[in-house]
Amino acid sequence: MSVLNQYKVKFVVRNLFNTNVKSILTISDMLSAYITDLNTANKVNQLLNDITEVLNHIHPLGGGQTQSTYLAHITATETKIYQDMEEWEENNNIQPDFTLPTSDFKVIVEAWRDYLQQ
């Protein structure tokens, strides 16, 4: 089973305030929201660079927050998505809202980049 099928990835165009906006849907609302917030090629490429550097052990941790305050912590083995950065800042030991292997996360983000470029 492909990574995109495993996470039930779908790309859609939504009409928000009379503007068409590209979005991604996955098995996790948090994963979908985090990736959808990366709505420009520059933002996606920065994230892909972070992922690649972490997977190549150049940096131990990558990721960061989006404009909607979703937070991702990316390590070489797994990516943790948190819905609320402020909640995480108050307690770094909270459980992530969604976790997946970083190699799977990279495949999904690459597909998102490709969709945005269409």
N, C-alpha and C. Protein backbone atom coordinates (compact mmCIF):
# COMPACT_ATOMS: atom_id res chain seq x y z
N MET A 1 0.85 -1.18 0.00
CA MET A 1 0.00 0.00 0.00
C MET A 1 0.89 1.25 0.00
N SER A 2 0.58 2.19 -0.85
CA SER A 2 1.38 3.40 -0.92
C SER A 2 1.13 4.27 0.32
N VAL A 3 2.09 5.13 0.60
CA VAL A 3 1.97 6.03 1.76
C VAL A 3 0.73 6.91 1.61
N LEU A 4 0.49 7.44 0.41
CA LEU A 4 -0.66 8.32 0.22
C LEU A 4 -1.97 7.58 0.45
N ASN A 5 -2.05 6.34 0.03
CA ASN A 5 -3.26 5.55 0.29
C ASN A 5 -3.39 5.21 1.76
N GLN A 6 -2.27 4.87 2.39
CA GLN A 6 -2.28 4.51 3.81
C GLN A 6 -2.85 5.64 4.67
N TYR A 7 -2.52 6.87 4.33
CA TYR A 7 -2.99 8.03 5.11
C TYR A 7 -4.23 8.68 4.48
N LYS A 8 -4.78 8.02 3.46
CA LYS A 8 -6.01 8.47 2.78
C LYS A 8 -5.90 9.93 2.32
N VAL A 9 -4.77 10.25 1.69
CA VAL A 9 -4.49 11.61 1.24
C VAL A 9 -5.36 11.95 0.04
N LYS A 10 -6.03 13.10 0.15
CA LYS A 10 -6.82 13.64 -0.95
C LYS A 10 -6.53 15.13 -1.03
N PHE A 11 -6.47 15.62 -2.25
CA PHE A 11 -6.26 17.05 -2.47
C PHE A 11 -7.57 17.64 -2.96
N VAL A 12 -7.95 18.76 -2.39
CA VAL A 12 -9.22 19.39 -2.73
C VAL A 12 -9.04 20.90 -2.87
N VAL A 13 -10.00 21.49 -3.53
CA VAL A 13 -10.08 22.94 -3.62
C VAL A 13 -11.33 23.36 -2.89
N ARG A 14 -11.17 24.23 -1.90
CA ARG A 14 -12.31 24.71 -1.12
C ARG A 14 -12.53 26.18 -1.44
N ASN A 15 -13.78 26.60 -1.38
CA ASN A 15 -14.11 28.00 -1.60
C ASN A 15 -14.28 28.66 -0.24
N LEU A 16 -13.32 29.53 0.10
CA LEU A 16 -13.39 30.27 1.36
C LEU A 16 -13.45 31.75 1.05
N PHE A 17 -14.52 32.37 1.45
CA PHE A 17 -14.72 33.80 1.23
C PHE A 17 -14.53 34.16 -0.25
N ASN A 18 -15.18 33.38 -1.09
CA ASN A 18 -15.16 33.58 -2.55
C ASN A 18 -13.76 33.45 -3.15
N THR A 19 -12.90 32.70 -2.50
CA THR A 19 -11.56 32.43 -3.01
C THR A 19 -11.33 30.93 -2.98
N ASN A 20 -10.83 30.38 -4.07
CA ASN A 20 -10.50 28.97 -4.11
C ASN A 20 -9.17 28.74 -3.40
N VAL A 21 -9.17 27.81 -2.46
CA VAL A 21 -8.00 27.51 -1.65
C VAL A 21 -7.72 26.02 -1.73
N LYS A 22 -6.46 25.68 -2.05
CA LYS A 22 -6.08 24.27 -2.09
C LYS A 22 -5.88 23.76 -0.67
N SER A 23 -6.37 22.53 -0.44
CA SER A 23 -6.27 21.90 0.87
C SER A 23 -5.92 20.43 0.70
N ILE A 24 -5.44 19.85 1.78
CA ILE A 24 -5.16 18.43 1.82
C ILE A 24 -6.02 17.80 2.91
N LEU A 25 -6.53 16.62 2.64
CA LEU A 25 -7.28 15.84 3.62
C LEU A 25 -6.54 14.54 3.86
N THR A 26 -6.44 14.13 5.12
CA THR A 26 -5.77 12.89 5.48
C THR A 26 -6.59 12.20 6.57
N ILE A 27 -6.07 11.09 7.09
CA ILE A 27 -6.75 10.39 8.17
C ILE A 27 -6.71 11.18 9.48
N SER A 28 -5.89 12.22 9.54
CA SER A 28 -5.76 13.03 10.74
C SER A 28 -6.07 14.49 10.43
N ASP A 29 -7.03 15.05 11.14
CA ASP A 29 -7.34 16.47 10.97
C ASP A 29 -6.13 17.34 11.30
N MET A 30 -5.34 16.93 12.29
CA MET A 30 -4.18 17.72 12.69
C MET A 30 -3.10 17.70 11.61
N LEU A 31 -2.86 16.54 11.04
CA LEU A 31 -1.89 16.42 9.95
C LEU A 31 -2.35 17.25 8.76
N SER A 32 -3.62 17.15 8.44
CA SER A 32 -4.18 17.92 7.32
C SER A 32 -4.03 19.41 7.55
N ALA A 33 -4.37 19.86 8.74
CA ALA A 33 -4.32 21.29 9.05
C ALA A 33 -2.88 21.81 9.01
N TYR A 34 -1.95 21.04 9.57
CA TYR A 34 -0.56 21.47 9.58
C TYR A 34 -0.06 21.65 8.15
N ILE A 35 -0.29 20.66 7.30
CA ILE A 35 0.21 20.73 5.93
C ILE A 35 -0.52 21.81 5.13
N THR A 36 -1.83 21.92 5.29
CA THR A 36 -2.59 22.93 4.55
C THR A 36 -2.09 24.33 4.87
N ASP A 37 -1.66 24.57 6.11
CA ASP A 37 -1.12 25.88 6.48
C ASP A 37 0.13 26.24 5.68
N LEU A 38 0.81 25.24 5.15
CA LEU A 38 2.00 25.48 4.33
C LEU A 38 1.53 25.65 2.89
N ASN A 39 1.01 26.82 2.60
CA ASN A 39 0.26 27.02 1.35
C ASN A 39 1.04 27.72 0.25
N THR A 40 2.36 27.83 0.41
CA THR A 40 3.18 28.40 -0.65
C THR A 40 4.35 27.45 -0.92
N ALA A 41 4.88 27.53 -2.13
CA ALA A 41 6.02 26.68 -2.49
C ALA A 41 7.20 26.95 -1.57
N ASN A 42 7.42 28.20 -1.19
CA ASN A 42 8.53 28.54 -0.32
C ASN A 42 8.40 27.86 1.05
N LYS A 43 7.22 27.91 1.64
CA LYS A 43 7.00 27.28 2.94
C LYS A 43 7.19 25.77 2.87
N VAL A 44 6.66 25.16 1.81
CA VAL A 44 6.78 23.72 1.65
C VAL A 44 8.24 23.33 1.43
N ASN A 45 8.94 24.07 0.61
CA ASN A 45 10.34 23.76 0.36
C ASN A 45 11.20 23.92 1.61
N GLN A 46 10.88 24.90 2.45
CA GLN A 46 11.60 25.06 3.72
C GLN A 46 11.37 23.84 4.61
N LEU A 47 10.12 23.37 4.66
CA LEU A 47 9.83 22.19 5.46
C LEU A 47 10.54 20.96 4.89
N LEU A 48 10.51 20.79 3.59
CA LEU A 48 11.20 19.64 2.98
C LEU A 48 12.70 19.70 3.25
N ASN A 49 13.26 20.88 3.25
CA ASN A 49 14.68 21.02 3.58
C ASN A 49 14.93 20.59 5.03
N ASP A 50 14.06 21.01 5.95
CA ASP A 50 14.17 20.59 7.35
C ASP A 50 14.10 19.07 7.47
N ILE A 51 13.12 18.47 6.80
CA ILE A 51 12.93 17.02 6.87
C ILE A 51 14.18 16.31 6.35
N THR A 52 14.68 16.76 5.21
CA THR A 52 15.86 16.13 4.61
C THR A 52 17.07 16.25 5.53
N GLU A 53 17.28 17.41 6.12
CA GLU A 53 18.42 17.59 7.02
C GLU A 53 18.30 16.72 8.27
N VAL A 54 17.09 16.54 8.78
CA VAL A 54 16.89 15.67 9.94
C VAL A 54 17.12 14.21 9.54
N LEU A 55 16.56 13.80 8.41
CA LEU A 55 16.74 12.41 7.97
C LEU A 55 18.21 12.11 7.67
N ASN A 56 18.97 13.12 7.23
CA ASN A 56 20.39 12.93 6.95
C ASN A 56 21.27 13.20 8.17
N HIS A 57 20.64 13.38 9.33
CA HIS A 57 21.32 13.58 10.61
C HIS A 57 22.20 14.84 10.63
N ILE A 58 21.83 15.83 9.84
CA ILE A 58 22.52 17.12 9.88
C ILE A 58 22.05 17.91 11.09
N HIS A 59 20.75 17.82 11.37
CA HIS A 59 20.15 18.44 12.55
C HIS A 59 19.32 17.38 13.27
N PRO A 60 19.29 17.41 14.61
CA PRO A 60 18.52 16.40 15.34
C PRO A 60 17.02 16.65 15.35
N LEU A 61 16.61 17.90 15.11
CA LEU A 61 15.20 18.26 15.21
C LEU A 61 14.85 19.30 14.16
N GLY A 62 13.68 19.15 13.56
CA GLY A 62 13.20 20.12 12.58
C GLY A 62 11.74 20.41 12.83
N GLY A 63 11.17 21.20 11.94
CA GLY A 63 9.75 21.53 12.06
C GLY A 63 9.55 22.92 12.59
N GLY A 64 8.43 23.12 13.25
CA GLY A 64 8.11 24.42 13.80
C GLY A 64 6.62 24.64 13.74
N GLN A 65 6.24 25.89 13.94
CA GLN A 65 4.82 26.21 14.00
C GLN A 65 4.33 26.78 12.68
N THR A 66 3.03 26.68 12.47
CA THR A 66 2.40 27.28 11.31
C THR A 66 1.68 28.55 11.75
N GLN A 67 1.10 29.25 10.79
CA GLN A 67 0.37 30.48 11.11
C GLN A 67 -0.83 30.22 12.02
N SER A 68 -1.35 29.02 12.01
CA SER A 68 -2.50 28.67 12.87
C SER A 68 -2.05 28.06 14.19
N THR A 69 -0.80 28.16 14.52
CA THR A 69 -0.14 27.67 15.74
C THR A 69 -0.13 26.15 15.88
N TYR A 70 -0.27 25.43 14.77
CA TYR A 70 0.01 24.00 14.82
C TYR A 70 1.51 23.86 14.91
N LEU A 71 1.96 22.80 15.56
CA LEU A 71 3.38 22.61 15.81
C LEU A 71 3.79 21.22 15.36
N ALA A 72 4.94 21.12 14.70
CA ALA A 72 5.50 19.82 14.33
C ALA A 72 6.90 19.70 14.90
N HIS A 73 7.18 18.55 15.49
CA HIS A 73 8.53 18.20 15.93
C HIS A 73 8.95 17.03 15.08
N ILE A 74 10.01 17.24 14.30
CA ILE A 74 10.46 16.24 13.35
C ILE A 74 11.81 15.70 13.80
N THR A 75 11.86 14.38 14.00
CA THR A 75 13.13 13.71 14.26
C THR A 75 13.37 12.72 13.12
N ALA A 76 14.51 12.06 13.14
CA ALA A 76 14.83 11.12 12.06
C ALA A 76 13.86 9.94 12.02
N THR A 77 13.23 9.63 13.13
CA THR A 77 12.33 8.47 13.15
C THR A 77 10.86 8.84 13.07
N GLU A 78 10.45 9.92 13.74
CA GLU A 78 9.03 10.24 13.75
C GLU A 78 8.77 11.73 13.74
N THR A 79 7.57 12.06 13.29
CA THR A 79 7.10 13.44 13.30
C THR A 79 5.87 13.49 14.19
N LYS A 80 5.88 14.43 15.12
CA LYS A 80 4.77 14.62 16.04
C LYS A 80 4.10 15.94 15.71
N ILE A 81 2.77 15.89 15.56
CA ILE A 81 1.98 17.07 15.27
C ILE A 81 1.16 17.42 16.52
N TYR A 82 1.23 18.69 16.91
CA TYR A 82 0.47 19.18 18.05
C TYR A 82 -0.50 20.25 17.54
N GLN A 83 -1.71 20.20 18.03
CA GLN A 83 -2.74 21.16 17.61
C GLN A 83 -2.46 22.56 18.14
N ASP A 84 -1.92 22.65 19.33
CA ASP A 84 -1.80 23.95 20.00
C ASP A 84 -0.40 24.15 20.55
N MET A 85 0.36 25.01 19.89
CA MET A 85 1.72 25.28 20.31
C MET A 85 1.77 25.84 21.72
N GLU A 86 0.83 26.70 22.08
CA GLU A 86 0.84 27.29 23.41
C GLU A 86 0.66 26.23 24.49
N GLU A 87 -0.21 25.26 24.23
CA GLU A 87 -0.41 24.18 25.19
C GLU A 87 0.88 23.37 25.34
N TRP A 88 1.56 23.11 24.23
CA TRP A 88 2.82 22.38 24.27
C TRP A 88 3.87 23.18 25.03
N GLU A 89 3.90 24.51 24.84
CA GLU A 89 4.88 25.34 25.54
C GLU A 89 4.67 25.30 27.05
N GLU A 90 3.41 25.17 27.47
CA GLU A 90 3.11 25.08 28.90
C GLU A 90 3.50 23.73 29.48
N ASN A 91 3.46 22.69 28.64
CA ASN A 91 3.77 21.34 29.11
C ASN A 91 4.35 20.54 27.95
N ASN A 92 5.68 20.47 27.89
CA ASN A 92 6.35 19.76 26.80
C ASN A 92 6.12 18.26 26.82
N ASN A 93 5.50 17.76 27.86
CA ASN A 93 5.27 16.32 27.98
C ASN A 93 3.89 15.88 27.51
N ILE A 94 3.10 16.79 26.95
CA ILE A 94 1.77 16.39 26.48
C ILE A 94 1.92 15.44 25.29
N GLN A 95 0.90 14.63 25.11
CA GLN A 95 0.89 13.70 24.00
C GLN A 95 0.62 14.44 22.70
N PRO A 96 1.30 14.09 21.62
CA PRO A 96 1.01 14.73 20.34
C PRO A 96 -0.38 14.35 19.86
N ASP A 97 -0.95 15.20 19.03
CA ASP A 97 -2.27 14.91 18.48
C ASP A 97 -2.19 13.89 17.35
N PHE A 98 -1.01 13.79 16.73
CA PHE A 98 -0.82 12.78 15.69
C PHE A 98 0.67 12.54 15.53
N THR A 99 1.03 11.27 15.32
CA THR A 99 2.42 10.89 15.12
C THR A 99 2.51 9.97 13.92
N LEU A 100 3.55 10.16 13.10
CA LEU A 100 3.79 9.28 11.96
C LEU A 100 5.28 9.21 11.69
N PRO A 101 5.72 8.18 10.98
CA PRO A 101 7.14 8.12 10.63
C PRO A 101 7.54 9.31 9.77
N THR A 102 8.71 9.85 10.01
CA THR A 102 9.15 11.01 9.25
C THR A 102 9.30 10.69 7.77
N SER A 103 9.68 9.49 7.44
CA SER A 103 9.78 9.12 6.02
C SER A 103 8.41 9.19 5.34
N ASP A 104 7.34 8.82 6.05
CA ASP A 104 5.98 8.94 5.50
C ASP A 104 5.58 10.41 5.39
N PHE A 105 5.92 11.18 6.40
CA PHE A 105 5.61 12.61 6.40
C PHE A 105 6.24 13.28 5.18
N LYS A 106 7.48 12.92 4.88
CA LYS A 106 8.17 13.50 3.73
C LYS A 106 7.44 13.19 2.43
N VAL A 107 6.98 11.96 2.26
CA VAL A 107 6.25 11.58 1.04
C VAL A 107 4.98 12.42 0.90
N ILE A 108 4.27 12.61 2.00
CA ILE A 108 3.03 13.37 1.97
C ILE A 108 3.32 14.84 1.64
N VAL A 109 4.34 15.41 2.25
CA VAL A 109 4.69 16.82 1.99
C VAL A 109 5.16 16.99 0.55
N GLU A 110 5.90 16.04 0.02
CA GLU A 110 6.32 16.11 -1.39
C GLU A 110 5.11 16.09 -2.32
N ALA A 111 4.13 15.26 -2.00
CA ALA A 111 2.91 15.21 -2.82
C ALA A 111 2.15 16.53 -2.72
N TRP A 112 2.13 17.14 -1.54
CA TRP A 112 1.49 18.44 -1.35
C TRP A 112 2.19 19.50 -2.19
N ARG A 113 3.51 19.49 -2.17
CA ARG A 113 4.29 20.43 -2.99
C ARG A 113 3.93 20.27 -4.46
N ASP A 114 3.86 19.04 -4.93
CA ASP A 114 3.54 18.77 -6.33
C ASP A 114 2.13 19.27 -6.67
N TYR A 115 1.19 19.07 -5.74
CA TYR A 115 -0.18 19.53 -5.96
C TYR A 115 -0.24 21.06 -6.01
N LEU A 116 0.47 21.73 -5.14
CA LEU A 116 0.47 23.19 -5.13
C LEU A 116 1.03 23.76 -6.43
N GLN A 117 1.95 23.05 -7.06
CA GLN A 117 2.59 23.54 -8.28
C GLN A 117 1.75 23.32 -9.54
N GLN A 118 0.64 22.63 -9.41
CA GLN A 118 -0.23 22.37 -10.56
C GLN A 118 -0.98 23.63 -10.94
